[in-house]
């Protein structure tokens, strides 16, 4: 009986694996931006975006198979106050794939963006309904909560170029409101406790994503990299400085799925620096850091997968 219970199975596949395409795709888009603004080779970004598409299909297919064969395990994980936030990660990954496809197939890119936005709004609405109906949990107040609630800010970054101007403004408004609502709760928890569990500490880097992505979104919406975009960039820079001061503490945390929460924000920060025309001596190190970090997290994930860690209870 014990041997059967410990047998590798899809039932234990962690939901946070769905964040993989966010990190890989974010770095791919950063390299595409580096090609446009800094003269980097185009092939790097396009290759990473192709890899992102393959990974997105793979992790989503695995979770669908898990849902079909072990629905009770998915329902249990959706009920987890922190892990539920990763249910919105595939829609953000799909937004990135829409941006990846748009230069090559505009119709496909616009269609993927529309689907991603609709599903992301649905997930955010269901999560917000859960909170407002009194079924929330104080443990939900953790950095991953920003994924479903503030992912709306990402939509305008791509939507404006696709012609979705009005919808992009509305998505930005929703994302901004939810970010301003969630951020004080996160800061209060970090100040007053309870402290984040150690495996979640790397996810603090997610705090950088909303202002960094917001700065790029404002630049896209207004057509200028100055004014409000720089104001949000200032917030992102402050948070990065604080996190750099904490780098030693974060680096001591053993590898886990929460490390994927560091990849997309790092890429978003590099994209922000390039979009707002910060000097190359800042842009290149940020891009290199995001690339190396994502590469390391991907490598550690591959080692864990090879060891069967994702098919056994944590």
C-alpha atoms as a PDB file:
ATOM      1  CA  UNK A   1       0.000   0.000   0.000  1.00  0.00           C
ATOM      2  CA  UNK A   2       2.794   2.417   0.899  1.00  0.00           C
ATOM      3  CA  UNK A   3       4.687   1.574  -2.291  1.00  0.00           C
ATOM      4  CA  UNK A   4       1.579   2.284  -4.409  1.00  0.00           C
ATOM      5  CA  UNK A   5       0.954   5.582  -2.655  1.00  0.00           C
ATOM      6  CA  UNK A   6       4.513   6.765  -3.362  1.00  0.00           C
ATOM      7  CA  UNK A   7       4.473   5.670  -7.024  1.00  0.00           C
ATOM      8  CA  UNK A   8       5.196   8.546  -9.460  1.00  0.00           C
ATOM      9  CA  UNK A   9       1.943  10.042 -10.746  1.00  0.00           C
ATOM     10  CA  UNK A  10       0.633  13.168 -12.462  1.00  0.00           C
ATOM     11  CA  UNK A  11      -1.493  13.804  -9.377  1.00  0.00           C
ATOM     12  CA  UNK A  12       1.482  15.526  -7.731  1.00  0.00           C
ATOM     13  CA  UNK A  13       2.435  17.722 -10.696  1.00  0.00           C
ATOM     14  CA  UNK A  14       2.836  21.225  -9.173  1.00  0.00           C
ATOM     15  CA  UNK A  15       0.630  24.017 -10.480  1.00  0.00           C
ATOM     16  CA  UNK A  16       3.511  26.570 -10.298  1.00  0.00           C
ATOM     17  CA  UNK A  17       5.100  24.824 -13.295  1.00  0.00           C
ATOM     18  CA  UNK A  18       2.593  26.850 -15.318  1.00  0.00           C
ATOM     19  CA  UNK A  19       4.767  29.907 -14.632  1.00  0.00           C
ATOM     20  CA  UNK A  20       7.601  28.522 -16.772  1.00  0.00           C
ATOM     21  CA  UNK A  21       6.402  30.114 -20.053  1.00  0.00           C
ATOM     22  CA  UNK A  22       6.130  33.491 -18.308  1.00  0.00           C
ATOM     23  CA  UNK A  23       9.816  33.499 -17.429  1.00  0.00           C
ATOM     24  CA  UNK A  24      11.091  32.030 -20.680  1.00  0.00           C
ATOM     25  CA  UNK A  25       8.804  34.215 -22.784  1.00  0.00           C
ATOM     26  CA  UNK A  26       9.691  37.326 -20.822  1.00  0.00           C
ATOM     27  CA  UNK A  27      13.378  36.781 -21.549  1.00  0.00           C
ATOM     28  CA  UNK A  28      12.550  36.072 -25.196  1.00  0.00           C
ATOM     29  CA  UNK A  29      10.692  39.376 -25.496  1.00  0.00           C
ATOM     30  CA  UNK A  30      13.552  41.142 -23.720  1.00  0.00           C
ATOM     31  CA  UNK A  31      16.004  39.856 -26.332  1.00  0.00           C
ATOM     32  CA  UNK A  32      13.611  40.885 -29.113  1.00  0.00           C
ATOM     33  CA  UNK A  33      13.576  44.379 -27.606  1.00  0.00           C
ATOM     34  CA  UNK A  34      17.370  44.279 -27.355  1.00  0.00           C
ATOM     35  CA  UNK A  35      17.520  43.465 -31.063  1.00  0.00           C
ATOM     36  CA  UNK A  36      15.306  46.449 -31.889  1.00  0.00           C
ATOM     37  CA  UNK A  37      17.023  48.970 -29.619  1.00  0.00           C
ATOM     38  CA  UNK A  38      20.519  47.688 -28.837  1.00  0.00           C
ATOM     39  CA  UNK A  39      21.455  45.731 -31.940  1.00  0.00           C
ATOM     40  CA  UNK A  40      21.412  42.276 -30.351  1.00  0.00           C
ATOM     41  CA  UNK A  41      21.083  39.251 -32.671  1.00  0.00           C
ATOM     42  CA  UNK A  42      17.440  38.654 -33.615  1.00  0.00           C
ATOM     43  CA  UNK A  43      17.811  34.878 -33.502  1.00  0.00           C
ATOM     44  CA  UNK A  44      18.230  34.769 -29.711  1.00  0.00           C
ATOM     45  CA  UNK A  45      14.844  36.276 -28.926  1.00  0.00           C
ATOM     46  CA  UNK A  46      13.012  34.339 -31.638  1.00  0.00           C
ATOM     47  CA  UNK A  47      14.552  31.037 -30.516  1.00  0.00           C
ATOM     48  CA  UNK A  48      13.560  31.689 -26.907  1.00  0.00           C
ATOM     49  CA  UNK A  49      10.011  32.564 -27.951  1.00  0.00           C
ATOM     50  CA  UNK A  50       9.760  29.357 -29.969  1.00  0.00           C
ATOM     51  CA  UNK A  51      10.975  27.429 -26.927  1.00  0.00           C
ATOM     52  CA  UNK A  52       8.352  29.264 -24.858  1.00  0.00           C
ATOM     53  CA  UNK A  53       5.590  28.089 -27.188  1.00  0.00           C
ATOM     54  CA  UNK A  54       6.740  24.478 -26.880  1.00  0.00           C
ATOM     55  CA  UNK A  55       7.011  24.709 -23.083  1.00  0.00           C
ATOM     56  CA  UNK A  56       3.570  26.365 -22.834  1.00  0.00           C
ATOM     57  CA  UNK A  57       1.989  23.549 -24.840  1.00  0.00           C
ATOM     58  CA  UNK A  58       3.832  20.965 -22.751  1.00  0.00           C
ATOM     59  CA  UNK A  59       2.986  22.244 -19.267  1.00  0.00           C
ATOM     60  CA  UNK A  60      -0.630  23.038 -20.158  1.00  0.00           C
ATOM     61  CA  UNK A  61      -1.065  19.574 -21.720  1.00  0.00           C
ATOM     62  CA  UNK A  62       0.361  17.945 -18.587  1.00  0.00           C
ATOM     63  CA  UNK A  63      -2.018  19.877 -16.340  1.00  0.00           C
ATOM     64  CA  UNK A  64      -4.975  18.995 -18.585  1.00  0.00           C
ATOM     65  CA  UNK A  65      -3.963  15.324 -18.382  1.00  0.00           C
ATOM     66  CA  UNK A  66      -3.705  15.689 -14.623  1.00  0.00           C
ATOM     67  CA  UNK A  67      -7.190  17.227 -14.507  1.00  0.00           C
ATOM     68  CA  UNK A  68      -8.630  14.369 -16.555  1.00  0.00           C
ATOM     69  CA  UNK A  69      -6.978  11.567 -14.578  1.00  0.00           C
ATOM     70  CA  UNK A  70      -6.695  13.102 -11.092  1.00  0.00           C
ATOM     71  CA  UNK A  71      -9.346  15.850 -10.825  1.00  0.00           C
ATOM     72  CA  UNK A  72      -9.365  15.651  -7.032  1.00  0.00           C
ATOM     73  CA  UNK A  73      -5.693  16.674  -6.855  1.00  0.00           C
ATOM     74  CA  UNK A  74      -6.306  19.708  -9.078  1.00  0.00           C
ATOM     75  CA  UNK A  75      -9.324  20.761  -7.012  1.00  0.00           C
ATOM     76  CA  UNK A  76      -7.261  20.408  -3.843  1.00  0.00           C
ATOM     77  CA  UNK A  77      -4.451  22.556  -5.242  1.00  0.00           C
ATOM     78  CA  UNK A  78      -6.898  25.185  -6.523  1.00  0.00           C
ATOM     79  CA  UNK A  79      -8.129  25.388  -2.936  1.00  0.00           C
ATOM     80  CA  UNK A  80      -4.604  26.171  -1.699  1.00  0.00           C
ATOM     81  CA  UNK A  81      -4.407  29.882  -0.746  1.00  0.00           C
ATOM     82  CA  UNK A  82      -1.067  30.498  -2.505  1.00  0.00           C
ATOM     83  CA  UNK A  83      -0.904  27.944  -5.308  1.00  0.00           C
ATOM     84  CA  UNK A  84      -4.296  28.998  -6.690  1.00  0.00           C
ATOM     85  CA  UNK A  85      -2.647  32.185  -7.964  1.00  0.00           C
ATOM     86  CA  UNK A  86      -0.653  30.161 -10.499  1.00  0.00           C
ATOM     87  CA  UNK A  87      -3.876  29.150 -12.245  1.00  0.00           C
ATOM     88  CA  UNK A  88      -3.651  32.513 -14.028  1.00  0.00           C
ATOM     89  CA  UNK A  89      -0.105  31.929 -15.283  1.00  0.00           C
ATOM     90  CA  UNK A  90      -1.122  30.184 -18.550  1.00  0.00           C
ATOM     91  CA  UNK A  91      -3.099  33.230 -19.656  1.00  0.00           C
ATOM     92  CA  UNK A  92      -0.099  35.501 -19.136  1.00  0.00           C
ATOM     93  CA  UNK A  93       1.998  32.985 -21.035  1.00  0.00           C
ATOM     94  CA  UNK A  94      -0.581  33.097 -23.826  1.00  0.00           C
ATOM     95  CA  UNK A  95      -0.366  36.912 -23.935  1.00  0.00           C
ATOM     96  CA  UNK A  96       3.380  36.555 -24.416  1.00  0.00           C
ATOM     97  CA  UNK A  97       2.833  34.017 -27.193  1.00  0.00           C
ATOM     98  CA  UNK A  98       0.388  36.438 -28.821  1.00  0.00           C
ATOM     99  CA  UNK A  99       3.101  39.100 -28.831  1.00  0.00           C
ATOM    100  CA  UNK A 100       5.587  36.553 -30.165  1.00  0.00           C
ATOM    101  CA  UNK A 101       3.282  35.603 -33.040  1.00  0.00           C
ATOM    102  CA  UNK A 102       2.027  39.081 -33.958  1.00  0.00           C
ATOM    103  CA  UNK A 103       4.976  40.251 -36.140  1.00  0.00           C
ATOM    104  CA  UNK A 104       4.797  37.013 -38.136  1.00  0.00           C
ATOM    105  CA  UNK A 105       1.012  36.386 -38.143  1.00  0.00           C
ATOM    106  CA  UNK A 106      -0.964  39.468 -37.004  1.00  0.00           C
ATOM    107  CA  UNK A 107      -4.338  37.720 -37.127  1.00  0.00           C
ATOM    108  CA  UNK A 108      -3.131  34.830 -34.994  1.00  0.00           C
ATOM    109  CA  UNK A 109      -1.466  37.178 -32.523  1.00  0.00           C
ATOM    110  CA  UNK A 110      -4.618  39.271 -32.109  1.00  0.00           C
ATOM    111  CA  UNK A 111      -6.759  36.157 -31.664  1.00  0.00           C
ATOM    112  CA  UNK A 112      -4.439  34.714 -29.015  1.00  0.00           C
ATOM    113  CA  UNK A 113      -4.365  38.066 -27.198  1.00  0.00           C
ATOM    114  CA  UNK A 114      -8.167  38.234 -27.143  1.00  0.00           C
ATOM    115  CA  UNK A 115      -8.486  34.697 -25.777  1.00  0.00           C
ATOM    116  CA  UNK A 116      -5.782  35.279 -23.162  1.00  0.00           C
ATOM    117  CA  UNK A 117      -7.353  38.513 -21.937  1.00  0.00           C
ATOM    118  CA  UNK A 118     -10.839  37.000 -21.714  1.00  0.00           C
ATOM    119  CA  UNK A 119      -9.670  33.965 -19.739  1.00  0.00           C
ATOM    120  CA  UNK A 120      -7.381  36.050 -17.526  1.00  0.00           C
ATOM    121  CA  UNK A 121     -10.271  38.348 -16.635  1.00  0.00           C
ATOM    122  CA  UNK A 122     -12.393  35.307 -15.806  1.00  0.00           C
ATOM    123  CA  UNK A 123      -9.740  33.849 -13.497  1.00  0.00           C
ATOM    124  CA  UNK A 124      -9.207  37.214 -11.773  1.00  0.00           C
ATOM    125  CA  UNK A 125     -12.973  37.638 -11.372  1.00  0.00           C
ATOM    126  CA  UNK A 126     -13.390  34.177  -9.822  1.00  0.00           C
ATOM    127  CA  UNK A 127     -10.536  34.802  -7.397  1.00  0.00           C
ATOM    128  CA  UNK A 128     -11.914  38.210  -6.446  1.00  0.00           C
ATOM    129  CA  UNK A 129     -15.360  36.670  -5.967  1.00  0.00           C
ATOM    130  CA  UNK A 130     -13.799  34.102  -3.644  1.00  0.00           C
ATOM    131  CA  UNK A 131     -12.333  36.892  -1.533  1.00  0.00           C
ATOM    132  CA  UNK A 132     -15.422  39.129  -1.503  1.00  0.00           C
ATOM    133  CA  UNK A 133     -17.733  36.237  -0.599  1.00  0.00           C
ATOM    134  CA  UNK A 134     -15.790  35.647   2.613  1.00  0.00           C
ATOM    135  CA  UNK A 135     -14.049  32.468   1.433  1.00  0.00           C
ATOM    136  CA  UNK A 136     -10.631  34.060   1.262  1.00  0.00           C
ATOM    137  CA  UNK A 137      -7.697  33.088   3.433  1.00  0.00           C
ATOM    138  CA  UNK A 138      -5.161  35.496   4.997  1.00  0.00           C
ATOM    139  CA  UNK A 139      -2.435  33.191   3.670  1.00  0.00           C
ATOM    140  CA  UNK A 140      -3.433  34.347   0.169  1.00  0.00           C
ATOM    141  CA  UNK A 141      -1.663  37.628   0.908  1.00  0.00           C
ATOM    142  CA  UNK A 142       1.625  36.625  -0.680  1.00  0.00           C
ATOM    143  CA  UNK A 143       3.499  37.882  -3.770  1.00  0.00           C
ATOM    144  CA  UNK A 144       2.032  35.224  -6.139  1.00  0.00           C
ATOM    145  CA  UNK A 145      -1.368  36.881  -5.598  1.00  0.00           C
ATOM    146  CA  UNK A 146      -0.150  39.583  -7.977  1.00  0.00           C
ATOM    147  CA  UNK A 147      -0.199  37.093 -10.876  1.00  0.00           C
ATOM    148  CA  UNK A 148      -3.995  36.827 -11.338  1.00  0.00           C
ATOM    149  CA  UNK A 149      -4.929  40.248 -10.018  1.00  0.00           C
ATOM    150  CA  UNK A 150      -2.357  42.454 -11.677  1.00  0.00           C
ATOM    151  CA  UNK A 151      -1.638  40.464 -14.835  1.00  0.00           C
ATOM    152  CA  UNK A 152      -4.160  42.749 -16.493  1.00  0.00           C
ATOM    153  CA  UNK A 153      -1.470  45.453 -16.626  1.00  0.00           C
ATOM    154  CA  UNK A 154       0.453  43.309 -19.095  1.00  0.00           C
ATOM    155  CA  UNK A 155      -2.339  43.274 -21.689  1.00  0.00           C
ATOM    156  CA  UNK A 156      -1.823  46.871 -22.952  1.00  0.00           C
ATOM    157  CA  UNK A 157       1.891  46.252 -23.545  1.00  0.00           C
ATOM    158  CA  UNK A 158       0.881  44.090 -26.501  1.00  0.00           C
ATOM    159  CA  UNK A 159      -2.718  45.154 -27.117  1.00  0.00           C
ATOM    160  CA  UNK A 160      -1.995  48.701 -28.277  1.00  0.00           C
ATOM    161  CA  UNK A 161       0.155  47.550 -31.204  1.00  0.00           C
ATOM    162  CA  UNK A 162      -2.598  45.112 -32.161  1.00  0.00           C
ATOM    163  CA  UNK A 163      -5.198  47.873 -32.337  1.00  0.00           C
ATOM    164  CA  UNK A 164      -7.033  47.131 -29.077  1.00  0.00           C
ATOM    165  CA  UNK A 165      -6.681  50.690 -27.730  1.00  0.00           C
ATOM    166  CA  UNK A 166      -9.884  50.968 -25.706  1.00  0.00           C
ATOM    167  CA  UNK A 167      -9.638  47.489 -24.229  1.00  0.00           C
ATOM    168  CA  UNK A 168      -5.994  48.115 -23.361  1.00  0.00           C
ATOM    169  CA  UNK A 169      -6.888  51.221 -21.365  1.00  0.00           C
ATOM    170  CA  UNK A 170      -9.616  49.314 -19.515  1.00  0.00           C
ATOM    171  CA  UNK A 171      -7.296  46.423 -18.729  1.00  0.00           C
ATOM    172  CA  UNK A 172      -4.685  48.859 -17.447  1.00  0.00           C
ATOM    173  CA  UNK A 173      -7.277  50.490 -15.183  1.00  0.00           C
ATOM    174  CA  UNK A 174      -8.329  47.131 -13.747  1.00  0.00           C
ATOM    175  CA  UNK A 175      -4.750  46.057 -13.177  1.00  0.00           C
ATOM    176  CA  UNK A 176      -3.733  49.368 -11.620  1.00  0.00           C
ATOM    177  CA  UNK A 177      -6.687  49.337  -9.220  1.00  0.00           C
ATOM    178  CA  UNK A 178      -5.998  45.779  -8.098  1.00  0.00           C
ATOM    179  CA  UNK A 179      -2.269  46.429  -7.717  1.00  0.00           C
ATOM    180  CA  UNK A 180      -2.948  49.462  -5.529  1.00  0.00           C
ATOM    181  CA  UNK A 181      -5.373  47.358  -3.479  1.00  0.00           C
ATOM    182  CA  UNK A 182      -3.105  44.329  -3.033  1.00  0.00           C
ATOM    183  CA  UNK A 183       0.259  46.065  -2.507  1.00  0.00           C
ATOM    184  CA  UNK A 184      -0.626  47.618   0.898  1.00  0.00           C
ATOM    185  CA  UNK A 185      -1.877  44.227   2.102  1.00  0.00           C
ATOM    186  CA  UNK A 186       1.375  42.584   1.045  1.00  0.00           C
ATOM    187  CA  UNK A 187       3.479  45.272   2.696  1.00  0.00           C
ATOM    188  CA  UNK A 188       1.418  45.022   5.885  1.00  0.00           C
ATOM    189  CA  UNK A 189       1.951  41.263   6.045  1.00  0.00           C
ATOM    190  CA  UNK A 190       5.681  41.670   5.468  1.00  0.00           C
ATOM    191  CA  UNK A 191       5.795  44.322   8.208  1.00  0.00           C
ATOM    192  CA  UNK A 192       3.463  42.804  10.812  1.00  0.00           C
ATOM    193  CA  UNK A 193       3.597  39.098   9.960  1.00  0.00           C
ATOM    194  CA  UNK A 194       3.188  36.270   9.683  1.00  0.00           C
ATOM    195  CA  UNK A 195       6.482  35.988   7.832  1.00  0.00           C
ATOM    196  CA  UNK A 196       6.500  34.347   4.429  1.00  0.00           C
ATOM    197  CA  UNK A 197       7.417  30.648   4.504  1.00  0.00           C
ATOM    198  CA  UNK A 198      11.065  30.309   3.484  1.00  0.00           C
ATOM    199  CA  UNK A 199      10.291  28.568   0.150  1.00  0.00           C
ATOM    200  CA  UNK A 200       8.192  31.610  -0.835  1.00  0.00           C
ATOM    201  CA  UNK A 201      10.869  34.216  -0.107  1.00  0.00           C
ATOM    202  CA  UNK A 202      12.221  34.275  -3.710  1.00  0.00           C
ATOM    203  CA  UNK A 203       8.720  35.215  -4.867  1.00  0.00           C
ATOM    204  CA  UNK A 204       9.292  38.677  -3.344  1.00  0.00           C
ATOM    205  CA  UNK A 205      10.860  39.530  -6.707  1.00  0.00           C
ATOM    206  CA  UNK A 206       7.312  39.454  -8.129  1.00  0.00           C
ATOM    207  CA  UNK A 207       6.819  42.856  -6.459  1.00  0.00           C
ATOM    208  CA  UNK A 208       8.946  44.357  -9.250  1.00  0.00           C
ATOM    209  CA  UNK A 209       6.664  43.136 -12.038  1.00  0.00           C
ATOM    210  CA  UNK A 210       3.646  45.471 -11.660  1.00  0.00           C
ATOM    211  CA  UNK A 211       5.549  48.794 -11.754  1.00  0.00           C
ATOM    212  CA  UNK A 212       7.996  47.554 -14.408  1.00  0.00           C
ATOM    213  CA  UNK A 213       5.247  46.212 -16.670  1.00  0.00           C
ATOM    214  CA  UNK A 214       3.091  49.225 -15.823  1.00  0.00           C
ATOM    215  CA  UNK A 215       5.810  51.598 -17.015  1.00  0.00           C
ATOM    216  CA  UNK A 216       6.024  49.772 -20.351  1.00  0.00           C
ATOM    217  CA  UNK A 217       2.220  49.720 -20.609  1.00  0.00           C
ATOM    218  CA  UNK A 218       1.950  53.469 -19.988  1.00  0.00           C
ATOM    219  CA  UNK A 219       4.622  54.110 -22.608  1.00  0.00           C
ATOM    220  CA  UNK A 220       2.604  52.030 -25.086  1.00  0.00           C
ATOM    221  CA  UNK A 221      -0.699  53.687 -24.186  1.00  0.00           C
ATOM    222  CA  UNK A 222       0.567  57.281 -24.246  1.00  0.00           C
ATOM    223  CA  UNK A 223       3.176  56.925 -26.961  1.00  0.00           C
ATOM    224  CA  UNK A 224       5.902  58.459 -24.806  1.00  0.00           C
ATOM    225  CA  UNK A 225       8.481  56.897 -22.469  1.00  0.00           C
ATOM    226  CA  UNK A 226       8.356  59.905 -20.152  1.00  0.00           C
ATOM    227  CA  UNK A 227       5.976  61.295 -17.510  1.00  0.00           C
ATOM    228  CA  UNK A 228       3.873  58.625 -15.750  1.00  0.00           C
ATOM    229  CA  UNK A 229       5.981  55.844 -17.255  1.00  0.00           C
ATOM    230  CA  UNK A 230       9.068  57.215 -15.512  1.00  0.00           C
ATOM    231  CA  UNK A 231       7.137  57.523 -12.253  1.00  0.00           C
ATOM    232  CA  UNK A 232       6.361  53.804 -12.324  1.00  0.00           C
ATOM    233  CA  UNK A 233       9.943  53.085 -13.375  1.00  0.00           C
ATOM    234  CA  UNK A 234      11.093  54.871 -10.231  1.00  0.00           C
ATOM    235  CA  UNK A 235       9.010  52.489  -8.109  1.00  0.00           C
ATOM    236  CA  UNK A 236      10.488  49.498  -9.953  1.00  0.00           C
ATOM    237  CA  UNK A 237      14.029  50.818  -9.471  1.00  0.00           C
ATOM    238  CA  UNK A 238      13.436  51.313  -5.744  1.00  0.00           C
ATOM    239  CA  UNK A 239      12.134  47.769  -5.340  1.00  0.00           C
ATOM    240  CA  UNK A 240      15.064  46.353  -7.316  1.00  0.00           C
ATOM    241  CA  UNK A 241      17.496  48.243  -5.076  1.00  0.00           C
ATOM    242  CA  UNK A 242      15.827  46.810  -1.962  1.00  0.00           C
ATOM    243  CA  UNK A 243      15.869  43.289  -3.398  1.00  0.00           C
ATOM    244  CA  UNK A 244      19.539  43.627  -4.340  1.00  0.00           C
ATOM    245  CA  UNK A 245      20.231  44.476  -0.712  1.00  0.00           C
ATOM    246  CA  UNK A 246      18.414  41.238   0.199  1.00  0.00           C
ATOM    247  CA  UNK A 247      20.171  39.172  -2.482  1.00  0.00           C
ATOM    248  CA  UNK A 248      22.243  37.230   0.031  1.00  0.00           C
ATOM    249  CA  UNK A 249      19.160  36.169   1.997  1.00  0.00           C
ATOM    250  CA  UNK A 250      17.248  35.174  -1.133  1.00  0.00           C
ATOM    251  CA  UNK A 251      20.173  33.257  -2.629  1.00  0.00           C
ATOM    252  CA  UNK A 252      20.344  31.028   0.451  1.00  0.00           C
ATOM    253  CA  UNK A 253      16.817  29.712  -0.127  1.00  0.00           C
ATOM    254  CA  UNK A 254      16.941  26.174  -1.591  1.00  0.00           C
ATOM    255  CA  UNK A 255      15.599  25.772  -5.109  1.00  0.00           C
ATOM    256  CA  UNK A 256      11.861  25.313  -5.424  1.00  0.00           C
ATOM    257  CA  UNK A 257       9.050  26.288  -7.761  1.00  0.00           C
ATOM    258  CA  UNK A 258       8.868  29.749  -6.157  1.00  0.00           C
ATOM    259  CA  UNK A 259      12.129  30.539  -7.953  1.00  0.00           C
ATOM    260  CA  UNK A 260      10.153  30.770 -11.192  1.00  0.00           C
ATOM    261  CA  UNK A 261       8.591  33.868  -9.642  1.00  0.00           C
ATOM    262  CA  UNK A 262      11.947  35.628 -10.054  1.00  0.00           C
ATOM    263  CA  UNK A 263      12.258  35.120 -13.814  1.00  0.00           C
ATOM    264  CA  UNK A 264       9.451  37.133 -15.396  1.00  0.00           C
ATOM    265  CA  UNK A 265       9.950  40.218 -13.169  1.00  0.00           C
ATOM    266  CA  UNK A 266      13.671  40.218 -13.996  1.00  0.00           C
ATOM    267  CA  UNK A 267      12.887  40.129 -17.716  1.00  0.00           C
ATOM    268  CA  UNK A 268      10.187  42.788 -17.322  1.00  0.00           C
ATOM    269  CA  UNK A 269      12.681  45.062 -15.574  1.00  0.00           C
ATOM    270  CA  UNK A 270      15.162  44.676 -18.443  1.00  0.00           C
ATOM    271  CA  UNK A 271      12.405  45.427 -20.974  1.00  0.00           C
ATOM    272  CA  UNK A 272      11.411  48.505 -18.969  1.00  0.00           C
ATOM    273  CA  UNK A 273      14.960  49.861 -18.986  1.00  0.00           C
ATOM    274  CA  UNK A 274      15.229  49.428 -22.749  1.00  0.00           C
ATOM    275  CA  UNK A 275      11.754  50.769 -23.540  1.00  0.00           C
ATOM    276  CA  UNK A 276      12.285  53.909 -21.458  1.00  0.00           C
ATOM    277  CA  UNK A 277      15.671  54.483 -23.114  1.00  0.00           C
ATOM    278  CA  UNK A 278      17.862  53.979 -20.076  1.00  0.00           C
ATOM    279  CA  UNK A 279      21.586  53.895 -20.974  1.00  0.00           C
ATOM    280  CA  UNK A 280      22.948  50.651 -22.435  1.00  0.00           C
ATOM    281  CA  UNK A 281      25.330  50.203 -19.501  1.00  0.00           C
ATOM    282  CA  UNK A 282      22.214  49.594 -17.380  1.00  0.00           C
ATOM    283  CA  UNK A 283      20.210  47.665 -19.979  1.00  0.00           C
ATOM    284  CA  UNK A 284      22.829  45.061 -20.866  1.00  0.00           C
ATOM    285  CA  UNK A 285      23.555  43.914 -17.273  1.00  0.00           C
ATOM    286  CA  UNK A 286      19.815  43.710 -16.547  1.00  0.00           C
ATOM    287  CA  UNK A 287      19.273  41.608 -19.667  1.00  0.00           C
ATOM    288  CA  UNK A 288      22.252  39.392 -18.869  1.00  0.00           C
ATOM    289  CA  UNK A 289      21.045  38.871 -15.296  1.00  0.00           C
ATOM    290  CA  UNK A 290      17.511  37.960 -16.418  1.00  0.00           C
ATOM    291  CA  UNK A 291      18.913  35.537 -18.997  1.00  0.00           C
ATOM    292  CA  UNK A 292      21.330  33.827 -16.608  1.00  0.00           C
ATOM    293  CA  UNK A 293      18.744  33.635 -13.827  1.00  0.00           C
ATOM    294  CA  UNK A 294      16.131  32.105 -16.117  1.00  0.00           C
ATOM    295  CA  UNK A 295      18.711  29.690 -17.496  1.00  0.00           C
ATOM    296  CA  UNK A 296      19.680  28.580 -13.984  1.00  0.00           C
ATOM    297  CA  UNK A 297      16.056  28.120 -12.888  1.00  0.00           C
ATOM    298  CA  UNK A 298      15.301  26.170 -16.075  1.00  0.00           C
ATOM    299  CA  UNK A 299      18.332  23.934 -15.509  1.00  0.00           C
ATOM    300  CA  UNK A 300      17.351  23.232 -11.890  1.00  0.00           C
ATOM    301  CA  UNK A 301      13.793  22.480 -12.995  1.00  0.00           C
ATOM    302  CA  UNK A 302      15.075  20.042 -15.619  1.00  0.00           C
ATOM    303  CA  UNK A 303      17.185  18.277 -12.977  1.00  0.00           C
ATOM    304  CA  UNK A 304      14.167  18.032 -10.669  1.00  0.00           C
ATOM    305  CA  UNK A 305      12.018  16.658 -13.494  1.00  0.00           C
ATOM    306  CA  UNK A 306      14.677  14.090 -14.385  1.00  0.00           C
ATOM    307  CA  UNK A 307      14.753  12.961 -10.761  1.00  0.00           C
ATOM    308  CA  UNK A 308      10.962  12.544 -10.801  1.00  0.00           C
ATOM    309  CA  UNK A 309      10.439  15.218  -8.154  1.00  0.00           C
ATOM    310  CA  UNK A 310       7.283  16.529  -9.827  1.00  0.00           C
ATOM    311  CA  UNK A 311       5.557  13.157  -9.739  1.00  0.00           C
ATOM    312  CA  UNK A 312       5.945  12.547  -6.016  1.00  0.00           C
ATOM    313  CA  UNK A 313       4.356  14.276  -2.997  1.00  0.00           C
ATOM    314  CA  UNK A 314       6.286  17.360  -1.886  1.00  0.00           C
END
